[in-house]
Amino acid sequence: MDTVHYFAFICCAICVVSAVENVKSVLPLDCALVLCAAPECDDSFIPPGECCPACKGSGKPCISNGRTYQDGESFTGDCNTCTCRNGIPLCTLIACQDKPGTCPKYPPGNFLPCVTLCDSDFDCPGQEKCCSTGCGRSCSVPDGSFAGCVVNGKKYKAGEELPTDPKDPCKRCTCTGGKETCDSIVCPACEGYRPPGACCNICGAKPPY
């Protein structure tokens, strides 16, 4: 496909895509005035905020928050969508709102490690926020927030054992960091009697009948 016909194809694509389901901001409005060269590949994409297509995997990879993304690969950054373009993450510019709540205040002279474990609230799980430790930043539960677990509408404190599931009596769960963490009991290999609802046999025991 020569450059002139490819330019006509791009312009037509803008009209068609923009008309489907009221799609907005598919390409910048001034892209109709840009003459794009046909990409020399079968697998191409149009990076966010640009008019012309580029070939995937033809440029340098990007590193974001310790993870590596290949050229042309899309990923999320906070509440924005990013695309790696020759070593540079190109991201949408949506203003990200912080999670609700107030970070706890650490007393002066605290001895927490001077490390940065998060950059924004979106790096933290659940309701936790990215808060200053006085020397670094880490994920913390906001002041006044319930830091336990809610199971079937009932609240359980951190470290509290959660009810056993009758369908899986060998699974034991505990509330840890606002999440349910579970382990399975390993039963001894022996013959015996297992009462209804129990996990393991009572070795050497016989049914009470």
C-alpha atoms as a PDB file:
ATOM      1  CA  MET A   1       0.000   0.000   0.000  1.00  0.00           C
ATOM      2  CA  ASP A   2       1.536   3.339  -1.029  1.00  0.00           C
ATOM      3  CA  THR A   3       1.634   6.382   1.240  1.00  0.00           C
ATOM      4  CA  VAL A   4      -1.243   8.249  -0.448  1.00  0.00           C
ATOM      5  CA  HIS A   5      -3.640   5.313  -0.253  1.00  0.00           C
ATOM      6  CA  TYR A   6      -2.550   4.546   3.317  1.00  0.00           C
ATOM      7  CA  PHE A   7      -3.258   8.161   4.312  1.00  0.00           C
ATOM      8  CA  ALA A   8      -6.739   7.849   2.808  1.00  0.00           C
ATOM      9  CA  PHE A   9      -7.253   4.606   4.718  1.00  0.00           C
ATOM     10  CA  ILE A  10      -6.286   6.241   8.029  1.00  0.00           C
ATOM     11  CA  CYS A  11      -8.659   9.177   7.442  1.00  0.00           C
ATOM     12  CA  CYS A  12     -11.484   6.800   6.587  1.00  0.00           C
ATOM     13  CA  ALA A  13     -10.746   4.725   9.696  1.00  0.00           C
ATOM     14  CA  ILE A  14     -11.013   7.851  11.865  1.00  0.00           C
ATOM     15  CA  CYS A  15     -14.492   8.569  10.482  1.00  0.00           C
ATOM     16  CA  VAL A  16     -15.725   4.992  10.879  1.00  0.00           C
ATOM     17  CA  VAL A  17     -14.375   4.427  14.397  1.00  0.00           C
ATOM     18  CA  SER A  18     -15.625   7.794  15.615  1.00  0.00           C
ATOM     19  CA  ALA A  19     -19.124   6.977  14.448  1.00  0.00           C
ATOM     20  CA  VAL A  20     -19.366   3.651  16.284  1.00  0.00           C
ATOM     21  CA  GLU A  21     -20.936   3.793  19.747  1.00  0.00           C
ATOM     22  CA  ASN A  22     -20.003   7.462  20.139  1.00  0.00           C
ATOM     23  CA  VAL A  23     -16.321   6.623  20.646  1.00  0.00           C
ATOM     24  CA  LYS A  24     -14.451   9.731  21.767  1.00  0.00           C
ATOM     25  CA  SER A  25     -10.859  10.796  21.319  1.00  0.00           C
ATOM     26  CA  VAL A  26      -9.847   7.851  19.129  1.00  0.00           C
ATOM     27  CA  LEU A  27      -7.200  10.069  17.557  1.00  0.00           C
ATOM     28  CA  PRO A  28      -6.317  13.745  18.110  1.00  0.00           C
ATOM     29  CA  LEU A  29      -8.485  16.094  16.057  1.00  0.00           C
ATOM     30  CA  ASP A  30      -5.517  17.438  14.077  1.00  0.00           C
ATOM     31  CA  CYS A  31      -4.600  13.944  12.821  1.00  0.00           C
ATOM     32  CA  ALA A  32      -6.606  14.562   9.658  1.00  0.00           C
ATOM     33  CA  LEU A  33      -3.817  16.931   8.596  1.00  0.00           C
ATOM     34  CA  VAL A  34      -1.000  14.461   9.280  1.00  0.00           C
ATOM     35  CA  LEU A  35       0.450  12.369   6.471  1.00  0.00           C
ATOM     36  CA  CYS A  36       1.444   8.967   7.873  1.00  0.00           C
ATOM     37  CA  ALA A  37       3.863   6.562   6.253  1.00  0.00           C
ATOM     38  CA  ALA A  38       2.706   2.962   5.961  1.00  0.00           C
ATOM     39  CA  PRO A  39       4.280   0.846   8.739  1.00  0.00           C
ATOM     40  CA  GLU A  40       6.639  -1.861   7.543  1.00  0.00           C
ATOM     41  CA  CYS A  41       4.996  -4.590   9.617  1.00  0.00           C
ATOM     42  CA  ASP A  42       1.741  -6.522   9.927  1.00  0.00           C
ATOM     43  CA  ASP A  43       1.282  -5.898  13.663  1.00  0.00           C
ATOM     44  CA  SER A  44       1.003  -2.143  14.226  1.00  0.00           C
ATOM     45  CA  PHE A  45      -0.708   0.143  16.744  1.00  0.00           C
ATOM     46  CA  ILE A  46      -1.384   3.857  17.231  1.00  0.00           C
ATOM     47  CA  PRO A  47       0.168   5.086  20.521  1.00  0.00           C
ATOM     48  CA  PRO A  48      -1.994   7.291  22.789  1.00  0.00           C
ATOM     49  CA  GLY A  49      -1.924  10.944  21.741  1.00  0.00           C
ATOM     50  CA  GLU A  50      -0.256  10.229  18.390  1.00  0.00           C
ATOM     51  CA  CYS A  51      -1.603  10.079  14.855  1.00  0.00           C
ATOM     52  CA  CYS A  52       0.586   7.623  13.008  1.00  0.00           C
ATOM     53  CA  PRO A  53       0.882   3.885  13.565  1.00  0.00           C
ATOM     54  CA  ALA A  54       4.025   2.206  14.858  1.00  0.00           C
ATOM     55  CA  CYS A  55       5.239  -1.369  14.759  1.00  0.00           C
ATOM     56  CA  LYS A  56       5.033  -3.394  17.946  1.00  0.00           C
ATOM     57  CA  GLY A  57       8.268  -4.651  19.395  1.00  0.00           C
ATOM     58  CA  SER A  58      10.489  -2.506  17.194  1.00  0.00           C
ATOM     59  CA  GLY A  59      11.715  -0.189  19.958  1.00  0.00           C
ATOM     60  CA  LYS A  60      13.202  -0.322  23.434  1.00  0.00           C
ATOM     61  CA  PRO A  61      11.259  -1.821  26.374  1.00  0.00           C
ATOM     62  CA  CYS A  62       9.909   0.313  29.216  1.00  0.00           C
ATOM     63  CA  ILE A  63      10.384  -0.127  32.956  1.00  0.00           C
ATOM     64  CA  SER A  64       7.548   1.065  35.204  1.00  0.00           C
ATOM     65  CA  ASN A  65       7.278   0.346  38.948  1.00  0.00           C
ATOM     66  CA  GLY A  66       9.927  -2.351  38.654  1.00  0.00           C
ATOM     67  CA  ARG A  67       8.193  -4.207  35.806  1.00  0.00           C
ATOM     68  CA  THR A  68       9.379  -4.439  32.198  1.00  0.00           C
ATOM     69  CA  TYR A  69       7.000  -3.888  29.276  1.00  0.00           C
ATOM     70  CA  GLN A  70       7.852  -4.508  25.644  1.00  0.00           C
ATOM     71  CA  ASP A  71       7.551  -1.830  22.988  1.00  0.00           C
ATOM     72  CA  GLY A  72       3.895  -1.482  22.017  1.00  0.00           C
ATOM     73  CA  GLU A  73       2.623  -3.223  25.158  1.00  0.00           C
ATOM     74  CA  SER A  74      -0.137  -1.499  27.133  1.00  0.00           C
ATOM     75  CA  PHE A  75      -0.419  -1.451  30.930  1.00  0.00           C
ATOM     76  CA  THR A  76      -2.088   0.504  33.714  1.00  0.00           C
ATOM     77  CA  GLY A  77      -0.339   3.155  35.752  1.00  0.00           C
ATOM     78  CA  ASP A  78      -2.398   4.255  38.754  1.00  0.00           C
ATOM     79  CA  CYS A  79      -5.765   5.053  37.140  1.00  0.00           C
ATOM     80  CA  ASN A  80      -4.270   5.765  33.706  1.00  0.00           C
ATOM     81  CA  THR A  81      -3.586   3.554  30.689  1.00  0.00           C
ATOM     82  CA  CYS A  82      -0.040   3.552  29.322  1.00  0.00           C
ATOM     83  CA  THR A  83       1.622   2.238  26.179  1.00  0.00           C
ATOM     84  CA  CYS A  84       5.345   1.591  25.882  1.00  0.00           C
ATOM     85  CA  ARG A  85       6.828   3.514  22.945  1.00  0.00           C
ATOM     86  CA  ASN A  86      10.532   2.991  22.348  1.00  0.00           C
ATOM     87  CA  GLY A  87      11.457   2.990  26.027  1.00  0.00           C
ATOM     88  CA  ILE A  88       9.079   5.795  27.042  1.00  0.00           C
ATOM     89  CA  PRO A  89       5.691   5.093  28.722  1.00  0.00           C
ATOM     90  CA  LEU A  90       3.003   7.224  27.047  1.00  0.00           C
ATOM     91  CA  CYS A  91       0.041   7.534  29.406  1.00  0.00           C
ATOM     92  CA  THR A  92      -3.375   9.138  29.478  1.00  0.00           C
ATOM     93  CA  LEU A  93      -3.582  12.142  31.780  1.00  0.00           C
ATOM     94  CA  ILE A  94      -6.553  11.375  33.990  1.00  0.00           C
ATOM     95  CA  ALA A  95      -6.400  13.052  37.383  1.00  0.00           C
ATOM     96  CA  CYS A  96      -6.287  10.199  39.883  1.00  0.00           C
ATOM     97  CA  GLN A  97      -8.191  10.779  43.106  1.00  0.00           C
ATOM     98  CA  ASP A  98      -6.607   9.468  46.283  1.00  0.00           C
ATOM     99  CA  LYS A  99      -8.425   6.839  48.302  1.00  0.00           C
ATOM    100  CA  PRO A 100     -10.599   8.217  51.112  1.00  0.00           C
ATOM    101  CA  GLY A 101      -9.236   8.508  54.618  1.00  0.00           C
ATOM    102  CA  THR A 102      -6.386  10.173  56.490  1.00  0.00           C
ATOM    103  CA  CYS A 103      -2.931   8.684  56.819  1.00  0.00           C
ATOM    104  CA  PRO A 104      -1.809   7.878  60.376  1.00  0.00           C
ATOM    105  CA  LYS A 105       0.709  10.291  61.861  1.00  0.00           C
ATOM    106  CA  TYR A 106       3.984   8.813  63.001  1.00  0.00           C
ATOM    107  CA  PRO A 107       5.632  10.405  66.044  1.00  0.00           C
ATOM    108  CA  PRO A 108       8.895  12.308  65.490  1.00  0.00           C
ATOM    109  CA  GLY A 109      11.996  10.151  65.737  1.00  0.00           C
ATOM    110  CA  ASN A 110      10.276   6.919  64.726  1.00  0.00           C
ATOM    111  CA  PHE A 111      12.594   4.078  63.812  1.00  0.00           C
ATOM    112  CA  LEU A 112      10.780   2.760  60.733  1.00  0.00           C
ATOM    113  CA  PRO A 113      13.091   1.889  57.806  1.00  0.00           C
ATOM    114  CA  CYS A 114      13.850   4.668  55.332  1.00  0.00           C
ATOM    115  CA  VAL A 115      12.466   2.881  52.277  1.00  0.00           C
ATOM    116  CA  THR A 116       9.801   3.781  49.745  1.00  0.00           C
ATOM    117  CA  LEU A 117       7.427   0.849  49.260  1.00  0.00           C
ATOM    118  CA  CYS A 118       4.763   2.749  47.294  1.00  0.00           C
ATOM    119  CA  ASP A 119       4.369   5.859  45.160  1.00  0.00           C
ATOM    120  CA  SER A 120       0.592   6.377  45.256  1.00  0.00           C
ATOM    121  CA  ASP A 121      -2.551   4.973  46.864  1.00  0.00           C
ATOM    122  CA  PHE A 122      -3.044   2.774  43.801  1.00  0.00           C
ATOM    123  CA  ASP A 123       0.076   0.804  44.722  1.00  0.00           C
ATOM    124  CA  CYS A 124      -1.634  -0.344  47.940  1.00  0.00           C
ATOM    125  CA  PRO A 125      -4.196  -3.144  48.366  1.00  0.00           C
ATOM    126  CA  GLY A 126      -7.786  -2.622  49.440  1.00  0.00           C
ATOM    127  CA  GLN A 127      -8.449   0.489  51.509  1.00  0.00           C
ATOM    128  CA  GLU A 128      -4.803   1.061  52.398  1.00  0.00           C
ATOM    129  CA  LYS A 129      -3.167   4.368  51.442  1.00  0.00           C
ATOM    130  CA  CYS A 130       0.417   5.250  50.526  1.00  0.00           C
ATOM    131  CA  CYS A 131       1.515   7.182  53.616  1.00  0.00           C
ATOM    132  CA  SER A 132       4.666   8.854  54.841  1.00  0.00           C
ATOM    133  CA  THR A 133       6.568   7.056  57.578  1.00  0.00           C
ATOM    134  CA  GLY A 134       8.624  10.124  58.388  1.00  0.00           C
ATOM    135  CA  CYS A 135      11.566   8.733  56.451  1.00  0.00           C
ATOM    136  CA  GLY A 136       9.958   6.847  53.549  1.00  0.00           C
ATOM    137  CA  ARG A 137       6.544   5.736  52.312  1.00  0.00           C
ATOM    138  CA  SER A 138       4.563   2.546  52.875  1.00  0.00           C
ATOM    139  CA  CYS A 139       0.986   1.256  52.661  1.00  0.00           C
ATOM    140  CA  SER A 140      -1.042   1.897  55.824  1.00  0.00           C
ATOM    141  CA  VAL A 141      -4.631   1.591  56.946  1.00  0.00           C
ATOM    142  CA  PRO A 142      -6.211   5.080  57.259  1.00  0.00           C
ATOM    143  CA  ASP A 143      -7.054   6.433  60.709  1.00  0.00           C
ATOM    144  CA  GLY A 144     -10.482   5.358  61.910  1.00  0.00           C
ATOM    145  CA  SER A 145     -10.806   2.594  59.305  1.00  0.00           C
ATOM    146  CA  PHE A 146     -11.787  -0.943  60.148  1.00  0.00           C
ATOM    147  CA  ALA A 147      -8.652  -3.009  59.604  1.00  0.00           C
ATOM    148  CA  GLY A 148     -10.285  -6.412  60.018  1.00  0.00           C
ATOM    149  CA  CYS A 149     -12.244  -8.718  57.737  1.00  0.00           C
ATOM    150  CA  VAL A 150     -15.926  -8.925  56.893  1.00  0.00           C
ATOM    151  CA  VAL A 151     -17.243 -12.435  56.255  1.00  0.00           C
ATOM    152  CA  ASN A 152     -20.950 -13.002  55.568  1.00  0.00           C
ATOM    153  CA  GLY A 153     -21.698  -9.553  56.959  1.00  0.00           C
ATOM    154  CA  LYS A 154     -19.874 -10.137  60.268  1.00  0.00           C
ATOM    155  CA  LYS A 155     -16.715  -8.276  61.257  1.00  0.00           C
ATOM    156  CA  TYR A 156     -13.593 -10.031  62.540  1.00  0.00           C
ATOM    157  CA  LYS A 157     -10.498  -8.370  64.001  1.00  0.00           C
ATOM    158  CA  ALA A 158      -6.989  -8.830  62.654  1.00  0.00           C
ATOM    159  CA  GLY A 159      -5.574 -12.165  63.848  1.00  0.00           C
ATOM    160  CA  GLU A 160      -8.994 -13.566  64.662  1.00  0.00           C
ATOM    161  CA  GLU A 161      -9.846 -17.068  63.416  1.00  0.00           C
ATOM    162  CA  LEU A 162     -12.693 -17.180  60.911  1.00  0.00           C
ATOM    163  CA  PRO A 163     -15.563 -19.688  60.950  1.00  0.00           C
ATOM    164  CA  THR A 164     -14.875 -23.085  59.398  1.00  0.00           C
ATOM    165  CA  ASP A 165     -16.597 -23.903  56.139  1.00  0.00           C
ATOM    166  CA  PRO A 166     -18.731 -27.039  56.718  1.00  0.00           C
ATOM    167  CA  LYS A 167     -17.998 -28.116  53.138  1.00  0.00           C
ATOM    168  CA  ASP A 168     -14.252 -27.995  53.787  1.00  0.00           C
ATOM    169  CA  PRO A 169     -13.606 -28.710  57.495  1.00  0.00           C
ATOM    170  CA  CYS A 170      -9.852 -29.081  56.920  1.00  0.00           C
ATOM    171  CA  LYS A 171      -9.451 -25.458  55.861  1.00  0.00           C
ATOM    172  CA  ARG A 172      -8.560 -23.032  58.652  1.00  0.00           C
ATOM    173  CA  CYS A 173      -8.743 -19.311  57.897  1.00  0.00           C
ATOM    174  CA  THR A 174      -7.510 -16.242  59.772  1.00  0.00           C
ATOM    175  CA  CYS A 175      -8.044 -12.528  59.255  1.00  0.00           C
ATOM    176  CA  THR A 176      -4.662 -11.081  58.257  1.00  0.00           C
ATOM    177  CA  GLY A 177      -4.133  -7.536  57.013  1.00  0.00           C
ATOM    178  CA  GLY A 178      -7.800  -7.126  56.165  1.00  0.00           C
ATOM    179  CA  LYS A 179      -7.794 -10.285  54.052  1.00  0.00           C
ATOM    180  CA  GLU A 180      -8.762 -13.898  54.583  1.00  0.00           C
ATOM    181  CA  THR A 181      -5.713 -16.170  54.631  1.00  0.00           C
ATOM    182  CA  CYS A 182      -6.228 -19.922  54.775  1.00  0.00           C
ATOM    183  CA  ASP A 183      -4.232 -23.100  55.345  1.00  0.00           C
ATOM    184  CA  SER A 184      -5.214 -26.748  55.108  1.00  0.00           C
ATOM    185  CA  ILE A 185      -4.792 -29.240  57.943  1.00  0.00           C
ATOM    186  CA  VAL A 186      -2.777 -32.360  57.064  1.00  0.00           C
ATOM    187  CA  CYS A 187      -4.408 -35.404  58.623  1.00  0.00           C
ATOM    188  CA  PRO A 188      -2.377 -38.372  59.928  1.00  0.00           C
ATOM    189  CA  ALA A 189      -2.547 -41.512  57.827  1.00  0.00           C
ATOM    190  CA  CYS A 190      -4.446 -43.876  60.088  1.00  0.00           C
ATOM    191  CA  GLU A 191      -7.620 -45.863  60.290  1.00  0.00           C
ATOM    192  CA  GLY A 192     -10.287 -44.682  62.628  1.00  0.00           C
ATOM    193  CA  TYR A 193     -13.539 -42.870  62.996  1.00  0.00           C
ATOM    194  CA  ARG A 194     -14.174 -39.368  61.681  1.00  0.00           C
ATOM    195  CA  PRO A 195     -17.094 -37.637  63.392  1.00  0.00           C
ATOM    196  CA  PRO A 196     -19.472 -35.606  61.209  1.00  0.00           C
ATOM    197  CA  GLY A 197     -18.035 -32.159  60.467  1.00  0.00           C
ATOM    198  CA  ALA A 198     -14.530 -33.115  61.620  1.00  0.00           C
ATOM    199  CA  CYS A 199     -11.465 -32.874  59.412  1.00  0.00           C
ATOM    200  CA  CYS A 200      -9.447 -35.946  60.430  1.00  0.00           C
ATOM    201  CA  ASN A 201     -10.055 -39.443  61.670  1.00  0.00           C
ATOM    202  CA  ILE A 202      -9.717 -40.243  65.354  1.00  0.00           C
ATOM    203  CA  CYS A 203      -7.036 -42.847  64.995  1.00  0.00           C
ATOM    204  CA  GLY A 204      -8.055 -46.257  66.296  1.00  0.00           C
ATOM    205  CA  ALA A 205     -11.545 -45.122  67.237  1.00  0.00           C
ATOM    206  CA  LYS A 206     -14.667 -46.923  66.145  1.00  0.00           C
ATOM    207  CA  PRO A 207     -18.062 -45.430  65.273  1.00  0.00           C
ATOM    208  CA  PRO A 208     -20.280 -45.053  68.361  1.00  0.00           C
ATOM    209  CA  TYR A 209     -22.868 -47.554  67.130  1.00  0.00           C
END
